[in-house]
């Protein structure tokens, strides 16, 4: 009896896909692994300019939606980078793509709620109420307009979906 072959480690698959610049595979594997560290590794080793060009993306809309959903799970770490990826993904997302139409509203609503949470968190840090150092307060203040803009874009998108 032949032993069943072991499934290849997702980290190895992602690294191999990155080497061959197969971003769709790299992101699909990383997002499917439910390993946020692997997703973060992928983002660190990928430039948004490799994925997004003039408001379009080389990634499928399902992958973009999954990426936004997973990144929104913890916006308190690597906030600027995650917001940048969310922004680019949101701008490239076709909300009417048949592949995602059944769950796009749910994911975008969840993202909206997470952005509201991070906005309040950043507001608190920006005031220094918790004794944050000046650099943390300054960074928090600089992120507030980005979060505000993303929430407005999401509100508009959600209204469009409901119509």
N, C-alpha and C. Protein backbone atom coordinates (compact mmCIF):
# COMPACT_ATOMS: atom_id res chain seq x y z
N UNK A 1 0.85 -1.18 0.00
CA UNK A 1 0.00 0.00 0.00
C UNK A 1 0.89 1.24 0.00
N UNK A 2 0.58 2.15 -0.90
CA UNK A 2 1.35 3.39 -1.01
C UNK A 2 0.94 4.37 0.08
N UNK A 3 1.92 5.00 0.69
CA UNK A 3 1.54 6.05 1.65
C UNK A 3 0.98 7.25 0.88
N UNK A 4 0.00 7.89 1.48
CA UNK A 4 -0.56 9.06 0.83
C UNK A 4 0.43 10.21 0.93
N UNK A 5 0.59 10.94 -0.16
CA UNK A 5 1.56 12.05 -0.11
C UNK A 5 1.08 13.14 0.83
N UNK A 6 2.03 13.70 1.55
CA UNK A 6 1.70 14.79 2.47
C UNK A 6 1.38 16.04 1.66
N UNK A 7 0.43 16.78 2.18
CA UNK A 7 0.13 18.07 1.56
C UNK A 7 1.31 18.99 1.79
N UNK A 8 1.63 19.77 0.79
CA UNK A 8 2.77 20.68 0.90
C UNK A 8 2.44 21.79 1.90
N UNK A 9 3.42 22.17 2.68
CA UNK A 9 3.28 23.23 3.67
C UNK A 9 2.84 24.52 2.97
N UNK A 10 1.77 25.17 3.47
CA UNK A 10 1.29 26.41 2.85
C UNK A 10 2.38 27.49 2.74
N UNK A 11 3.27 27.54 3.72
CA UNK A 11 4.35 28.54 3.66
C UNK A 11 5.24 28.30 2.46
N UNK A 12 5.56 27.04 2.21
CA UNK A 12 6.38 26.69 1.05
C UNK A 12 5.64 27.02 -0.24
N UNK A 13 4.35 26.71 -0.29
CA UNK A 13 3.54 27.01 -1.48
C UNK A 13 3.50 28.51 -1.76
N UNK A 14 3.33 29.30 -0.70
CA UNK A 14 3.29 30.76 -0.87
C UNK A 14 4.64 31.27 -1.36
N UNK A 15 5.72 30.80 -0.76
CA UNK A 15 7.05 31.24 -1.18
C UNK A 15 7.33 30.86 -2.63
N UNK A 16 6.95 29.64 -3.02
CA UNK A 16 7.13 29.21 -4.41
C UNK A 16 6.32 30.07 -5.37
N UNK A 17 5.07 30.36 -5.00
CA UNK A 17 4.22 31.19 -5.85
C UNK A 17 4.78 32.61 -5.96
N UNK A 18 5.31 33.13 -4.87
CA UNK A 18 5.92 34.47 -4.91
C UNK A 18 7.12 34.49 -5.84
N UNK A 19 7.95 33.45 -5.77
CA UNK A 19 9.13 33.39 -6.63
C UNK A 19 8.74 33.42 -8.10
N UNK A 20 7.64 32.75 -8.43
CA UNK A 20 7.20 32.72 -9.83
C UNK A 20 6.22 33.86 -10.15
N UNK A 21 6.02 34.76 -9.17
CA UNK A 21 5.14 35.92 -9.31
C UNK A 21 3.69 35.51 -9.64
N UNK A 22 3.31 34.37 -9.11
CA UNK A 22 1.94 33.88 -9.25
C UNK A 22 1.16 34.36 -8.02
N UNK A 23 0.77 35.62 -8.06
CA UNK A 23 0.16 36.25 -6.90
C UNK A 23 -1.21 35.66 -6.56
N UNK A 24 -1.98 35.30 -7.56
CA UNK A 24 -3.29 34.70 -7.30
C UNK A 24 -3.14 33.44 -6.44
N UNK A 25 -2.21 32.58 -6.81
CA UNK A 25 -1.97 31.36 -6.03
C UNK A 25 -1.44 31.69 -4.64
N UNK A 26 -0.48 32.60 -4.57
CA UNK A 26 0.10 32.96 -3.28
C UNK A 26 -0.96 33.47 -2.31
N UNK A 27 -1.80 34.37 -2.78
CA UNK A 27 -2.84 34.93 -1.91
C UNK A 27 -3.91 33.90 -1.59
N UNK A 28 -4.28 33.09 -2.57
CA UNK A 28 -5.30 32.06 -2.33
C UNK A 28 -4.84 31.08 -1.26
N UNK A 29 -3.60 30.62 -1.37
CA UNK A 29 -3.05 29.67 -0.39
C UNK A 29 -2.96 30.32 0.99
N UNK A 30 -2.41 31.52 1.05
CA UNK A 30 -2.25 32.20 2.34
C UNK A 30 -3.59 32.46 3.01
N UNK A 31 -4.55 32.95 2.26
CA UNK A 31 -5.86 33.25 2.83
C UNK A 31 -6.61 31.98 3.22
N UNK A 32 -6.43 30.92 2.45
CA UNK A 32 -7.10 29.65 2.75
C UNK A 32 -6.50 28.95 3.96
N UNK A 33 -5.28 29.30 4.30
CA UNK A 33 -4.61 28.64 5.42
C UNK A 33 -5.14 29.11 6.78
N UNK A 34 -5.88 30.20 6.78
CA UNK A 34 -6.38 30.80 8.03
C UNK A 34 -5.24 31.10 8.99
N UNK A 35 -4.10 31.46 8.42
CA UNK A 35 -2.91 31.77 9.21
C UNK A 35 -2.55 33.22 8.93
N UNK A 36 -2.93 34.10 9.84
CA UNK A 36 -2.72 35.53 9.64
C UNK A 36 -1.24 35.87 9.53
N UNK A 37 -0.38 35.10 10.19
CA UNK A 37 1.07 35.33 10.06
C UNK A 37 1.54 35.09 8.63
N UNK A 38 0.97 34.08 7.99
CA UNK A 38 1.34 33.79 6.60
C UNK A 38 0.82 34.89 5.68
N UNK A 39 -0.37 35.39 5.95
CA UNK A 39 -0.91 36.51 5.18
C UNK A 39 -0.02 37.73 5.37
N UNK A 40 0.38 38.01 6.60
CA UNK A 40 1.27 39.15 6.87
C UNK A 40 2.61 38.98 6.16
N UNK A 41 3.16 37.77 6.18
CA UNK A 41 4.40 37.48 5.46
C UNK A 41 4.23 37.81 3.98
N UNK A 42 3.12 37.40 3.42
CA UNK A 42 2.85 37.65 2.00
C UNK A 42 2.77 39.15 1.72
N UNK A 43 2.10 39.89 2.57
CA UNK A 43 1.95 41.34 2.36
C UNK A 43 3.30 42.04 2.47
N UNK A 44 4.13 41.61 3.40
CA UNK A 44 5.45 42.20 3.57
C UNK A 44 6.32 41.96 2.34
N UNK A 45 6.11 40.82 1.70
CA UNK A 45 6.95 40.43 0.56
C UNK A 45 6.31 40.71 -0.80
N UNK A 46 5.24 41.48 -0.79
CA UNK A 46 4.55 41.85 -2.04
C UNK A 46 4.30 43.35 -2.03
N UNK A 47 4.57 43.99 -3.13
CA UNK A 47 4.26 45.41 -3.27
C UNK A 47 2.84 45.56 -3.81
N UNK A 48 2.12 46.53 -3.29
CA UNK A 48 0.77 46.75 -3.82
C UNK A 48 0.83 47.05 -5.32
N UNK A 49 1.92 47.66 -5.77
CA UNK A 49 2.04 47.98 -7.20
C UNK A 49 2.18 46.73 -8.06
N UNK A 50 2.54 45.59 -7.45
CA UNK A 50 2.57 44.32 -8.19
C UNK A 50 1.16 43.78 -8.41
N UNK A 51 0.23 44.21 -7.60
CA UNK A 51 -1.13 43.67 -7.62
C UNK A 51 -2.14 44.65 -8.22
N UNK A 52 -1.98 45.93 -7.89
CA UNK A 52 -2.98 46.93 -8.27
C UNK A 52 -2.39 47.92 -9.27
N UNK A 53 -3.10 48.10 -10.38
CA UNK A 53 -2.69 49.06 -11.40
C UNK A 53 -3.94 49.80 -11.88
N UNK A 54 -3.94 51.10 -11.72
CA UNK A 54 -5.05 51.95 -12.19
C UNK A 54 -6.42 51.46 -11.74
N UNK A 55 -6.53 51.13 -10.47
CA UNK A 55 -7.83 50.73 -9.92
C UNK A 55 -8.25 49.32 -10.27
N UNK A 56 -7.37 48.54 -10.87
CA UNK A 56 -7.68 47.14 -11.16
C UNK A 56 -6.71 46.25 -10.40
N UNK A 57 -7.02 44.97 -10.37
CA UNK A 57 -6.20 44.04 -9.61
C UNK A 57 -5.96 42.77 -10.40
N UNK A 58 -4.79 42.19 -10.18
CA UNK A 58 -4.50 40.89 -10.78
C UNK A 58 -5.10 39.75 -9.97
N UNK A 59 -5.68 40.08 -8.82
CA UNK A 59 -6.31 39.07 -7.97
C UNK A 59 -7.81 39.00 -8.26
N UNK A 60 -8.39 37.83 -8.07
CA UNK A 60 -9.83 37.69 -8.26
C UNK A 60 -10.56 38.51 -7.20
N UNK A 61 -11.82 38.81 -7.48
CA UNK A 61 -12.61 39.59 -6.52
C UNK A 61 -12.87 38.80 -5.24
N UNK A 62 -12.96 37.48 -5.35
CA UNK A 62 -13.13 36.65 -4.16
C UNK A 62 -11.90 36.75 -3.26
N UNK A 63 -10.72 36.77 -3.86
CA UNK A 63 -9.48 36.89 -3.07
C UNK A 63 -9.40 38.29 -2.45
N UNK A 64 -9.76 39.31 -3.19
CA UNK A 64 -9.75 40.67 -2.63
C UNK A 64 -10.68 40.78 -1.42
N UNK A 65 -11.86 40.22 -1.56
CA UNK A 65 -12.84 40.29 -0.47
C UNK A 65 -12.34 39.51 0.74
N UNK A 66 -11.77 38.35 0.51
CA UNK A 66 -11.22 37.54 1.61
C UNK A 66 -10.06 38.26 2.28
N UNK A 67 -9.22 38.91 1.48
CA UNK A 67 -8.09 39.66 2.03
C UNK A 67 -8.58 40.78 2.94
N UNK A 68 -9.55 41.54 2.48
CA UNK A 68 -10.09 42.63 3.31
C UNK A 68 -10.68 42.09 4.61
N UNK A 69 -11.41 40.99 4.50
CA UNK A 69 -12.04 40.40 5.68
C UNK A 69 -10.98 39.96 6.68
N UNK A 70 -9.95 39.27 6.21
CA UNK A 70 -8.93 38.78 7.14
C UNK A 70 -8.09 39.91 7.73
N UNK A 71 -7.77 40.91 6.93
CA UNK A 71 -6.98 42.03 7.45
C UNK A 71 -7.75 42.81 8.51
N UNK A 72 -9.05 42.86 8.36
CA UNK A 72 -9.85 43.64 9.30
C UNK A 72 -9.99 42.97 10.67
N UNK A 73 -9.58 41.73 10.77
CA UNK A 73 -9.71 41.02 12.04
C UNK A 73 -8.85 41.63 13.15
N UNK A 74 -7.72 42.20 12.78
CA UNK A 74 -6.86 42.85 13.78
C UNK A 74 -6.17 44.05 13.14
N UNK A 75 -6.83 45.16 13.21
CA UNK A 75 -6.27 46.39 12.63
C UNK A 75 -5.40 47.16 13.62
N UNK A 76 -5.23 46.64 14.82
CA UNK A 76 -4.43 47.36 15.81
C UNK A 76 -2.93 47.15 15.59
N UNK A 77 -2.55 46.17 14.78
CA UNK A 77 -1.14 45.92 14.46
C UNK A 77 -0.93 46.14 12.98
N UNK A 78 0.21 46.72 12.62
CA UNK A 78 0.52 47.01 11.21
C UNK A 78 -0.63 47.77 10.54
N UNK A 79 -1.18 48.70 11.28
CA UNK A 79 -2.40 49.39 10.85
C UNK A 79 -2.24 50.08 9.51
N UNK A 80 -1.18 50.84 9.34
CA UNK A 80 -1.00 51.60 8.09
C UNK A 80 -0.94 50.65 6.88
N UNK A 81 -0.16 49.61 6.98
CA UNK A 81 -0.03 48.66 5.89
C UNK A 81 -1.36 47.98 5.57
N UNK A 82 -2.05 47.54 6.61
CA UNK A 82 -3.33 46.87 6.40
C UNK A 82 -4.36 47.81 5.78
N UNK A 83 -4.39 49.06 6.25
CA UNK A 83 -5.33 50.02 5.67
C UNK A 83 -5.01 50.29 4.21
N UNK A 84 -3.73 50.33 3.87
CA UNK A 84 -3.34 50.52 2.47
C UNK A 84 -3.83 49.36 1.60
N UNK A 85 -3.63 48.14 2.07
CA UNK A 85 -4.10 46.97 1.32
C UNK A 85 -5.62 46.96 1.22
N UNK A 86 -6.30 47.31 2.30
CA UNK A 86 -7.76 47.36 2.27
C UNK A 86 -8.23 48.42 1.29
N UNK A 87 -7.60 49.58 1.31
CA UNK A 87 -7.98 50.65 0.40
C UNK A 87 -7.82 50.23 -1.05
N UNK A 88 -6.68 49.69 -1.39
CA UNK A 88 -6.43 49.26 -2.77
C UNK A 88 -7.42 48.16 -3.17
N UNK A 89 -7.68 47.23 -2.28
CA UNK A 89 -8.61 46.14 -2.56
C UNK A 89 -10.02 46.66 -2.77
N UNK A 90 -10.41 47.59 -1.92
CA UNK A 90 -11.76 48.17 -2.00
C UNK A 90 -11.96 48.91 -3.32
N UNK A 91 -10.93 49.64 -3.74
CA UNK A 91 -11.03 50.39 -4.99
C UNK A 91 -11.09 49.48 -6.22
N UNK A 92 -10.46 48.31 -6.12
CA UNK A 92 -10.43 47.38 -7.26
C UNK A 92 -11.59 46.40 -7.25
N UNK A 93 -12.32 46.33 -6.15
CA UNK A 93 -13.38 45.33 -5.99
C UNK A 93 -14.59 45.63 -6.86
N UNK A 94 -15.02 44.63 -7.60
CA UNK A 94 -16.28 44.71 -8.34
C UNK A 94 -17.33 44.02 -7.48
N UNK A 95 -18.14 44.81 -6.81
CA UNK A 95 -19.11 44.27 -5.87
C UNK A 95 -20.21 43.47 -6.55
N UNK A 96 -20.31 43.61 -7.87
CA UNK A 96 -21.36 42.91 -8.62
C UNK A 96 -20.84 41.65 -9.30
N UNK A 97 -19.60 41.28 -9.00
CA UNK A 97 -19.04 40.05 -9.55
C UNK A 97 -19.89 38.88 -9.05
N UNK A 98 -20.37 38.04 -9.97
CA UNK A 98 -21.24 36.92 -9.56
C UNK A 98 -20.58 35.98 -8.55
N UNK A 99 -19.26 35.89 -8.57
CA UNK A 99 -18.55 34.99 -7.66
C UNK A 99 -18.68 35.43 -6.19
N UNK A 100 -18.91 36.72 -5.95
CA UNK A 100 -18.95 37.22 -4.56
C UNK A 100 -20.27 37.87 -4.18
N UNK A 101 -21.19 37.97 -5.11
CA UNK A 101 -22.40 38.76 -4.86
C UNK A 101 -23.22 38.28 -3.67
N UNK A 102 -23.14 37.00 -3.34
CA UNK A 102 -23.95 36.47 -2.24
C UNK A 102 -23.42 36.84 -0.86
N UNK A 103 -22.16 37.21 -0.76
CA UNK A 103 -21.61 37.49 0.57
C UNK A 103 -20.84 38.80 0.66
N UNK A 104 -20.82 39.59 -0.41
CA UNK A 104 -20.07 40.84 -0.38
C UNK A 104 -20.63 41.82 0.67
N UNK A 105 -21.93 41.92 0.78
CA UNK A 105 -22.52 42.86 1.74
C UNK A 105 -22.15 42.48 3.18
N UNK A 106 -22.20 41.20 3.48
CA UNK A 106 -21.85 40.75 4.83
C UNK A 106 -20.40 41.07 5.17
N UNK A 107 -19.50 40.81 4.24
CA UNK A 107 -18.08 41.07 4.48
C UNK A 107 -17.83 42.57 4.61
N UNK A 108 -18.42 43.36 3.72
CA UNK A 108 -18.21 44.81 3.78
C UNK A 108 -18.82 45.41 5.05
N UNK A 109 -19.95 44.88 5.50
CA UNK A 109 -20.53 45.33 6.77
C UNK A 109 -19.58 45.03 7.93
N UNK A 110 -19.01 43.84 7.93
CA UNK A 110 -18.05 43.47 8.97
C UNK A 110 -16.83 44.37 8.94
N UNK A 111 -16.34 44.67 7.75
CA UNK A 111 -15.20 45.57 7.58
C UNK A 111 -15.55 46.96 8.11
N UNK A 112 -16.74 47.42 7.79
CA UNK A 112 -17.19 48.73 8.26
C UNK A 112 -17.17 48.78 9.79
N UNK A 113 -17.68 47.74 10.44
CA UNK A 113 -17.72 47.70 11.91
C UNK A 113 -16.30 47.71 12.48
N UNK A 114 -15.39 46.96 11.86
CA UNK A 114 -14.01 46.92 12.34
C UNK A 114 -13.33 48.27 12.15
N UNK A 115 -13.65 48.96 11.08
CA UNK A 115 -13.08 50.30 10.87
C UNK A 115 -13.59 51.29 11.90
N UNK A 116 -14.86 51.14 12.30
CA UNK A 116 -15.39 51.99 13.36
C UNK A 116 -14.64 51.75 14.67
N UNK A 117 -14.35 50.49 14.96
CA UNK A 117 -13.62 50.14 16.19
C UNK A 117 -12.21 50.73 16.16
N UNK A 118 -11.52 50.56 15.04
CA UNK A 118 -10.13 51.07 14.97
C UNK A 118 -10.14 52.60 14.98
N UNK A 119 -11.17 53.22 14.44
CA UNK A 119 -11.25 54.68 14.48
C UNK A 119 -11.30 55.17 15.92
N UNK A 120 -12.15 54.54 16.72
CA UNK A 120 -12.24 54.94 18.14
C UNK A 120 -10.91 54.68 18.86
N UNK A 121 -10.29 53.54 18.57
CA UNK A 121 -8.99 53.19 19.16
C UNK A 121 -7.94 54.24 18.80
N UNK A 122 -7.90 54.63 17.54
CA UNK A 122 -6.93 55.63 17.09
C UNK A 122 -7.21 57.00 17.69
N UNK A 123 -8.50 57.34 17.83
CA UNK A 123 -8.86 58.62 18.47
C UNK A 123 -8.32 58.68 19.89
N UNK A 124 -8.47 57.59 20.62
CA UNK A 124 -7.97 57.55 22.00
C UNK A 124 -6.45 57.69 22.03
N UNK A 125 -5.78 56.97 21.15
CA UNK A 125 -4.31 57.04 21.11
C UNK A 125 -3.84 58.41 20.65
N UNK A 126 -4.58 59.05 19.77
CA UNK A 126 -4.18 60.35 19.24
C UNK A 126 -4.20 61.43 20.31
N UNK A 127 -5.03 61.25 21.33
CA UNK A 127 -5.12 62.25 22.39
C UNK A 127 -4.07 62.04 23.47
N UNK A 128 -3.46 60.86 23.47
CA UNK A 128 -2.47 60.55 24.50
C UNK A 128 -3.09 60.22 25.83
N UNK A 129 -4.39 59.90 25.82
CA UNK A 129 -5.11 59.61 27.07
C UNK A 129 -4.50 58.43 27.83
N UNK A 130 -3.88 57.51 27.11
CA UNK A 130 -3.28 56.35 27.77
C UNK A 130 -1.80 56.51 28.02
N UNK A 131 -1.31 57.75 27.93
CA UNK A 131 0.11 58.02 28.15
C UNK A 131 1.00 57.59 27.00
N UNK A 132 0.43 57.56 25.79
CA UNK A 132 1.20 57.16 24.62
C UNK A 132 2.31 58.16 24.31
N UNK A 133 3.43 57.65 23.79
CA UNK A 133 4.50 58.56 23.38
C UNK A 133 4.06 59.42 22.20
N UNK A 134 4.75 60.53 21.99
CA UNK A 134 4.40 61.48 20.92
C UNK A 134 4.34 60.82 19.55
N UNK A 135 5.28 59.92 19.25
CA UNK A 135 5.29 59.30 17.93
C UNK A 135 4.04 58.44 17.70
N UNK A 136 3.54 57.79 18.75
CA UNK A 136 2.33 56.98 18.63
C UNK A 136 1.12 57.90 18.42
N UNK A 137 1.09 59.01 19.15
CA UNK A 137 -0.01 59.97 19.00
C UNK A 137 -0.01 60.54 17.58
N UNK A 138 1.16 60.89 17.08
CA UNK A 138 1.27 61.46 15.73
C UNK A 138 0.83 60.44 14.68
N UNK A 139 1.29 59.21 14.79
CA UNK A 139 0.91 58.16 13.84
C UNK A 139 -0.59 57.92 13.88
N UNK A 140 -1.16 57.89 15.07
CA UNK A 140 -2.60 57.69 15.21
C UNK A 140 -3.38 58.82 14.54
N UNK A 141 -2.94 60.05 14.76
CA UNK A 141 -3.60 61.20 14.13
C UNK A 141 -3.52 61.12 12.60
N UNK A 142 -2.41 60.63 12.08
CA UNK A 142 -2.24 60.55 10.62
C UNK A 142 -3.09 59.43 10.00
N UNK A 143 -3.48 58.46 10.79
CA UNK A 143 -4.29 57.36 10.28
C UNK A 143 -5.80 57.65 10.31
N UNK A 144 -6.20 58.57 11.17
CA UNK A 144 -7.64 58.86 11.32
C UNK A 144 -8.30 59.27 10.00
N UNK A 145 -7.72 60.17 9.19
CA UNK A 145 -8.38 60.53 7.93
C UNK A 145 -8.49 59.36 6.95
N UNK A 146 -7.53 58.46 6.99
CA UNK A 146 -7.57 57.29 6.10
C UNK A 146 -8.74 56.40 6.49
N UNK A 147 -8.89 56.17 7.79
CA UNK A 147 -10.00 55.33 8.26
C UNK A 147 -11.33 56.00 7.95
N UNK A 148 -11.41 57.29 8.17
CA UNK A 148 -12.64 58.04 7.88
C UNK A 148 -13.01 57.92 6.40
N UNK A 149 -12.02 58.07 5.53
CA UNK A 149 -12.27 57.95 4.09
C UNK A 149 -12.76 56.54 3.74
N UNK A 150 -12.10 55.53 4.28
CA UNK A 150 -12.50 54.15 3.99
C UNK A 150 -13.93 53.86 4.46
N UNK A 151 -14.31 54.39 5.62
CA UNK A 151 -15.67 54.17 6.10
C UNK A 151 -16.68 54.85 5.18
N UNK A 152 -16.34 56.00 4.65
CA UNK A 152 -17.26 56.69 3.73
C UNK A 152 -17.38 55.93 2.41
N UNK A 153 -16.28 55.41 1.90
CA UNK A 153 -16.32 54.61 0.68
C UNK A 153 -17.17 53.36 0.91
N UNK A 154 -16.97 52.73 2.07
CA UNK A 154 -17.76 51.54 2.39
C UNK A 154 -19.25 51.86 2.51
N UNK A 155 -19.58 52.98 3.14
CA UNK A 155 -20.99 53.37 3.24
C UNK A 155 -21.60 53.52 1.85
N UNK A 156 -20.88 54.15 0.97
CA UNK A 156 -21.36 54.33 -0.40
C UNK A 156 -21.52 52.98 -1.11
N UNK A 157 -20.54 52.10 -0.94
CA UNK A 157 -20.62 50.79 -1.56
C UNK A 157 -21.79 49.98 -1.02
N UNK A 158 -22.00 50.05 0.27
CA UNK A 158 -23.10 49.30 0.88
C UNK A 158 -24.44 49.83 0.41
N UNK A 159 -24.56 51.14 0.25
CA UNK A 159 -25.80 51.72 -0.30
C UNK A 159 -26.02 51.23 -1.73
N UNK A 160 -24.97 51.19 -2.50
CA UNK A 160 -25.08 50.74 -3.88
C UNK A 160 -25.52 49.28 -3.96
N UNK A 161 -25.01 48.45 -3.08
CA UNK A 161 -25.38 47.04 -3.07
C UNK A 161 -26.85 46.86 -2.74
N UNK A 162 -27.35 47.69 -1.81
CA UNK A 162 -28.74 47.57 -1.37
C UNK A 162 -29.74 48.02 -2.41
N UNK A 163 -29.31 48.78 -3.38
CA UNK A 163 -30.23 49.29 -4.41
C UNK A 163 -30.51 48.29 -5.48
